[in-house]
Amino acid sequence: MKMLVESLKRMYKKGTLTEEQIAERVTKGSISAEEYEYITGEKYSGGEVK
């Protein structure tokens, strides 16, 4: 995994980032939908977070 993804995962686990903030990075193209799922444990649904 990319260093960015690992950093985002750590920040998400600490509560520094929300699912919505991670989803924004998918929309911007910083990370992929698969990386979103790796970070949050949730399936990416095109911008709508469950």
PDB file of N, CA and C in Angstrom:
ATOM      1  N   MET A   1       0.839  -1.193   0.000  1.00  0.00           N
ATOM      2  CA  MET A   1       0.000   0.000   0.000  1.00  0.00           C
ATOM      3  C   MET A   1       0.878   1.249   0.000  1.00  0.00           C
ATOM      4  N   LYS A   2       0.303   2.296  -0.545  1.00  0.00           N
ATOM      5  CA  LYS A   2       0.986   3.577  -0.576  1.00  0.00           C
ATOM      6  C   LYS A   2       1.107   4.146   0.833  1.00  0.00           C
ATOM      7  N   MET A   3       2.140   4.939   1.017  1.00  0.00           N
ATOM      8  CA  MET A   3       2.354   5.571   2.311  1.00  0.00           C
ATOM      9  C   MET A   3       1.152   6.450   2.681  1.00  0.00           C
ATOM     10  N   LEU A   4       0.583   7.144   1.699  1.00  0.00           N
ATOM     11  CA  LEU A   4      -0.588   7.984   1.942  1.00  0.00           C
ATOM     12  C   LEU A   4      -1.736   7.163   2.519  1.00  0.00           C
ATOM     13  N   VAL A   5      -1.977   6.006   1.940  1.00  0.00           N
ATOM     14  CA  VAL A   5      -3.085   5.154   2.384  1.00  0.00           C
ATOM     15  C   VAL A   5      -2.864   4.707   3.829  1.00  0.00           C
ATOM     16  N   GLU A   6      -1.650   4.312   4.143  1.00  0.00           N
ATOM     17  CA  GLU A   6      -1.349   3.878   5.517  1.00  0.00           C
ATOM     18  C   GLU A   6      -1.524   5.042   6.501  1.00  0.00           C
ATOM     19  N   SER A   7      -1.108   6.225   6.099  1.00  0.00           N
ATOM     20  CA  SER A   7      -1.278   7.406   6.955  1.00  0.00           C
ATOM     21  C   SER A   7      -2.753   7.721   7.167  1.00  0.00           C
ATOM     22  N   LEU A   8      -3.529   7.663   6.082  1.00  0.00           N
ATOM     23  CA  LEU A   8      -4.966   7.918   6.193  1.00  0.00           C
ATOM     24  C   LEU A   8      -5.632   6.891   7.098  1.00  0.00           C
ATOM     25  N   LYS A   9      -5.206   5.639   6.990  1.00  0.00           N
ATOM     26  CA  LYS A   9      -5.792   4.584   7.828  1.00  0.00           C
ATOM     27  C   LYS A   9      -5.510   4.850   9.306  1.00  0.00           C
ATOM     28  N   ARG A  10      -4.275   5.235   9.617  1.00  0.00           N
ATOM     29  CA  ARG A  10      -3.935   5.555  11.010  1.00  0.00           C
ATOM     30  C   ARG A  10      -4.785   6.730  11.518  1.00  0.00           C
ATOM     31  N   MET A  11      -4.907   7.762  10.685  1.00  0.00           N
ATOM     32  CA  MET A  11      -5.685   8.935  11.089  1.00  0.00           C
ATOM     33  C   MET A  11      -7.160   8.594  11.254  1.00  0.00           C
ATOM     34  N   TYR A  12      -7.677   7.735  10.388  1.00  0.00           N
ATOM     35  CA  TYR A  12      -9.077   7.306  10.482  1.00  0.00           C
ATOM     36  C   TYR A  12      -9.302   6.518  11.775  1.00  0.00           C
ATOM     37  N   LYS A  13      -8.392   5.622  12.088  1.00  0.00           N
ATOM     38  CA  LYS A  13      -8.532   4.816  13.301  1.00  0.00           C
ATOM     39  C   LYS A  13      -8.477   5.672  14.562  1.00  0.00           C
ATOM     40  N   LYS A  14      -7.664   6.745  14.528  1.00  0.00           N
ATOM     41  CA  LYS A  14      -7.557   7.647  15.673  1.00  0.00           C
ATOM     42  C   LYS A  14      -8.757   8.568  15.792  1.00  0.00           C
ATOM     43  N   GLY A  15      -9.558   8.658  14.720  1.00  0.00           N
ATOM     44  CA  GLY A  15     -10.712   9.536  14.746  1.00  0.00           C
ATOM     45  C   GLY A  15     -10.418  10.930  14.216  1.00  0.00           C
ATOM     46  N   THR A  16      -9.223  11.117  13.663  1.00  0.00           N
ATOM     47  CA  THR A  16      -8.845  12.413  13.104  1.00  0.00           C
ATOM     48  C   THR A  16      -9.560  12.679  11.789  1.00  0.00           C
ATOM     49  N   LEU A  17      -9.846  11.615  11.030  1.00  0.00           N
ATOM     50  CA  LEU A  17     -10.557  11.720   9.759  1.00  0.00           C
ATOM     51  C   LEU A  17     -11.852  10.929   9.825  1.00  0.00           C
ATOM     52  N   THR A  18     -12.881  11.416   9.134  1.00  0.00           N
ATOM     53  CA  THR A  18     -14.158  10.712   9.063  1.00  0.00           C
ATOM     54  C   THR A  18     -14.254   9.934   7.753  1.00  0.00           C
ATOM     55  N   GLU A  19     -15.259   9.077   7.644  1.00  0.00           N
ATOM     56  CA  GLU A  19     -15.502   8.350   6.394  1.00  0.00           C
ATOM     57  C   GLU A  19     -15.754   9.325   5.255  1.00  0.00           C
ATOM     58  N   GLU A  20     -16.447  10.406   5.560  1.00  0.00           N
ATOM     59  CA  GLU A  20     -16.742  11.407   4.529  1.00  0.00           C
ATOM     60  C   GLU A  20     -15.463  12.042   3.990  1.00  0.00           C
ATOM     61  N   GLN A  21     -14.536  12.321   4.881  1.00  0.00           N
ATOM     62  CA  GLN A  21     -13.270  12.920   4.460  1.00  0.00           C
ATOM     63  C   GLN A  21     -12.448  11.941   3.620  1.00  0.00           C
ATOM     64  N   ILE A  22     -12.510  10.668   3.951  1.00  0.00           N
ATOM     65  CA  ILE A  22     -11.804   9.661   3.155  1.00  0.00           C
ATOM     66  C   ILE A  22     -12.478   9.548   1.785  1.00  0.00           C
ATOM     67  N   ALA A  23     -13.815   9.577   1.756  1.00  0.00           N
ATOM     68  CA  ALA A  23     -14.559   9.500   0.500  1.00  0.00           C
ATOM     69  C   ALA A  23     -14.214  10.667  -0.422  1.00  0.00           C
ATOM     70  N   GLU A  24     -13.988  11.839   0.148  1.00  0.00           N
ATOM     71  CA  GLU A  24     -13.590  12.999  -0.655  1.00  0.00           C
ATOM     72  C   GLU A  24     -12.295  12.731  -1.410  1.00  0.00           C
ATOM     73  N   ARG A  25     -11.403  11.999  -0.805  1.00  0.00           N
ATOM     74  CA  ARG A  25     -10.122  11.685  -1.450  1.00  0.00           C
ATOM     75  C   ARG A  25     -10.306  10.735  -2.628  1.00  0.00           C
ATOM     76  N   VAL A  26     -11.316   9.871  -2.546  1.00  0.00           N
ATOM     77  CA  VAL A  26     -11.631   9.004  -3.687  1.00  0.00           C
ATOM     78  C   VAL A  26     -12.172   9.867  -4.825  1.00  0.00           C
ATOM     79  N   THR A  27     -13.081  10.777  -4.493  1.00  0.00           N
ATOM     80  CA  THR A  27     -13.671  11.665  -5.491  1.00  0.00           C
ATOM     81  C   THR A  27     -12.604  12.498  -6.187  1.00  0.00           C
ATOM     82  N   LYS A  28     -11.621  12.963  -5.430  1.00  0.00           N
ATOM     83  CA  LYS A  28     -10.541  13.784  -5.988  1.00  0.00           C
ATOM     84  C   LYS A  28      -9.502  12.947  -6.728  1.00  0.00           C
ATOM     85  N   GLY A  29      -9.524  11.630  -6.548  1.00  0.00           N
ATOM     86  CA  GLY A  29      -8.579  10.754  -7.223  1.00  0.00           C
ATOM     87  C   GLY A  29      -7.291  10.498  -6.458  1.00  0.00           C
ATOM     88  N   SER A  30      -7.235  10.923  -5.199  1.00  0.00           N
ATOM     89  CA  SER A  30      -6.039  10.700  -4.390  1.00  0.00           C
ATOM     90  C   SER A  30      -5.864   9.229  -4.028  1.00  0.00           C
ATOM     91  N   ILE A  31      -7.000   8.563  -3.802  1.00  0.00           N
ATOM     92  CA  ILE A  31      -6.990   7.134  -3.485  1.00  0.00           C
ATOM     93  C   ILE A  31      -8.085   6.445  -4.298  1.00  0.00           C
ATOM     94  N   SER A  32      -7.997   5.134  -4.393  1.00  0.00           N
ATOM     95  CA  SER A  32      -8.995   4.366  -5.144  1.00  0.00           C
ATOM     96  C   SER A  32     -10.123   3.905  -4.221  1.00  0.00           C
ATOM     97  N   ALA A  33     -11.192   3.407  -4.830  1.00  0.00           N
ATOM     98  CA  ALA A  33     -12.308   2.859  -4.058  1.00  0.00           C
ATOM     99  C   ALA A  33     -11.849   1.661  -3.234  1.00  0.00           C
ATOM    100  N   GLU A  34     -10.933   0.871  -3.775  1.00  0.00           N
ATOM    101  CA  GLU A  34     -10.406  -0.284  -3.046  1.00  0.00           C
ATOM    102  C   GLU A  34      -9.613   0.172  -1.821  1.00  0.00           C
ATOM    103  N   GLU A  35      -8.865   1.260  -1.983  1.00  0.00           N
ATOM    104  CA  GLU A  35      -8.104   1.792  -0.856  1.00  0.00           C
ATOM    105  C   GLU A  35      -9.039   2.365   0.200  1.00  0.00           C
ATOM    106  N   TYR A  36     -10.134   2.978  -0.232  1.00  0.00           N
ATOM    107  CA  TYR A  36     -11.159   3.461   0.705  1.00  0.00           C
ATOM    108  C   TYR A  36     -11.664   2.299   1.557  1.00  0.00           C
ATOM    109  N   GLU A  37     -11.965   1.192   0.896  1.00  0.00           N
ATOM    110  CA  GLU A  37     -12.466   0.017   1.607  1.00  0.00           C
ATOM    111  C   GLU A  37     -11.418  -0.521   2.578  1.00  0.00           C
ATOM    112  N   TYR A  38     -10.152  -0.510   2.169  1.00  0.00           N
ATOM    113  CA  TYR A  38      -9.055  -0.963   3.035  1.00  0.00           C
ATOM    114  C   TYR A  38      -8.963  -0.079   4.283  1.00  0.00           C
ATOM    115  N   ILE A  39      -9.116   1.229   4.097  1.00  0.00           N
ATOM    116  CA  ILE A  39      -8.986   2.179   5.203  1.00  0.00           C
ATOM    117  C   ILE A  39     -10.168   2.086   6.162  1.00  0.00           C
ATOM    118  N   THR A  40     -11.382   2.084   5.624  1.00  0.00           N
ATOM    119  CA  THR A  40     -12.579   2.187   6.470  1.00  0.00           C
ATOM    120  C   THR A  40     -13.230   0.849   6.817  1.00  0.00           C
ATOM    121  N   GLY A  41     -12.972  -0.161   5.993  1.00  0.00           N
ATOM    122  CA  GLY A  41     -13.650  -1.436   6.180  1.00  0.00           C
ATOM    123  C   GLY A  41     -15.032  -1.448   5.581  1.00  0.00           C
ATOM    124  N   GLU A  42     -15.417  -0.360   4.920  1.00  0.00           N
ATOM    125  CA  GLU A  42     -16.724  -0.226   4.288  1.00  0.00           C
ATOM    126  C   GLU A  42     -16.561  -0.164   2.777  1.00  0.00           C
ATOM    127  N   LYS A  43     -17.554  -0.656   2.050  1.00  0.00           N
ATOM    128  CA  LYS A  43     -17.550  -0.585   0.588  1.00  0.00           C
ATOM    129  C   LYS A  43     -17.805   0.849   0.151  1.00  0.00           C
ATOM    130  N   TYR A  44     -17.030   1.343  -0.804  1.00  0.00           N
ATOM    131  CA  TYR A  44     -17.241   2.700  -1.332  1.00  0.00           C
ATOM    132  C   TYR A  44     -18.430   2.665  -2.269  1.00  0.00           C
ATOM    133  N   SER A  45     -19.356   3.602  -2.038  1.00  0.00           N
ATOM    134  CA  SER A  45     -20.603   3.595  -2.831  1.00  0.00           C
ATOM    135  C   SER A  45     -20.760   4.881  -3.638  1.00  0.00           C
ATOM    136  N   GLY A  46     -19.683   5.328  -4.247  1.00  0.00           N
ATOM    137  CA  GLY A  46     -19.762   6.492  -5.125  1.00  0.00           C
ATOM    138  C   GLY A  46     -20.042   7.805  -4.439  1.00  0.00           C
ATOM    139  N   GLY A  47     -19.493   8.009  -3.269  1.00  0.00           N
ATOM    140  CA  GLY A  47     -19.653   9.282  -2.599  1.00  0.00           C
ATOM    141  C   GLY A  47     -20.613   9.240  -1.422  1.00  0.00           C
ATOM    142  N   GLU A  48     -21.526   8.284  -1.435  1.00  0.00           N
ATOM    143  CA  GLU A  48     -22.457   8.167  -0.323  1.00  0.00           C
ATOM    144  C   GLU A  48     -21.898   7.171   0.682  1.00  0.00           C
ATOM    145  N   VAL A  49     -21.658   7.629   1.864  1.00  0.00           N
ATOM    146  CA  VAL A  49     -21.100   6.780   2.902  1.00  0.00           C
ATOM    147  C   VAL A  49     -22.229   6.178   3.701  1.00  0.00           C
ATOM    148  N   LYS A  50     -22.143   4.881   3.911  1.00  0.00           N
ATOM    149  CA  LYS A  50     -23.197   4.160   4.649  1.00  0.00           C
ATOM    150  C   LYS A  50     -23.019   4.333   6.139  1.00  0.00           C
TER     151      LYS A  50
END
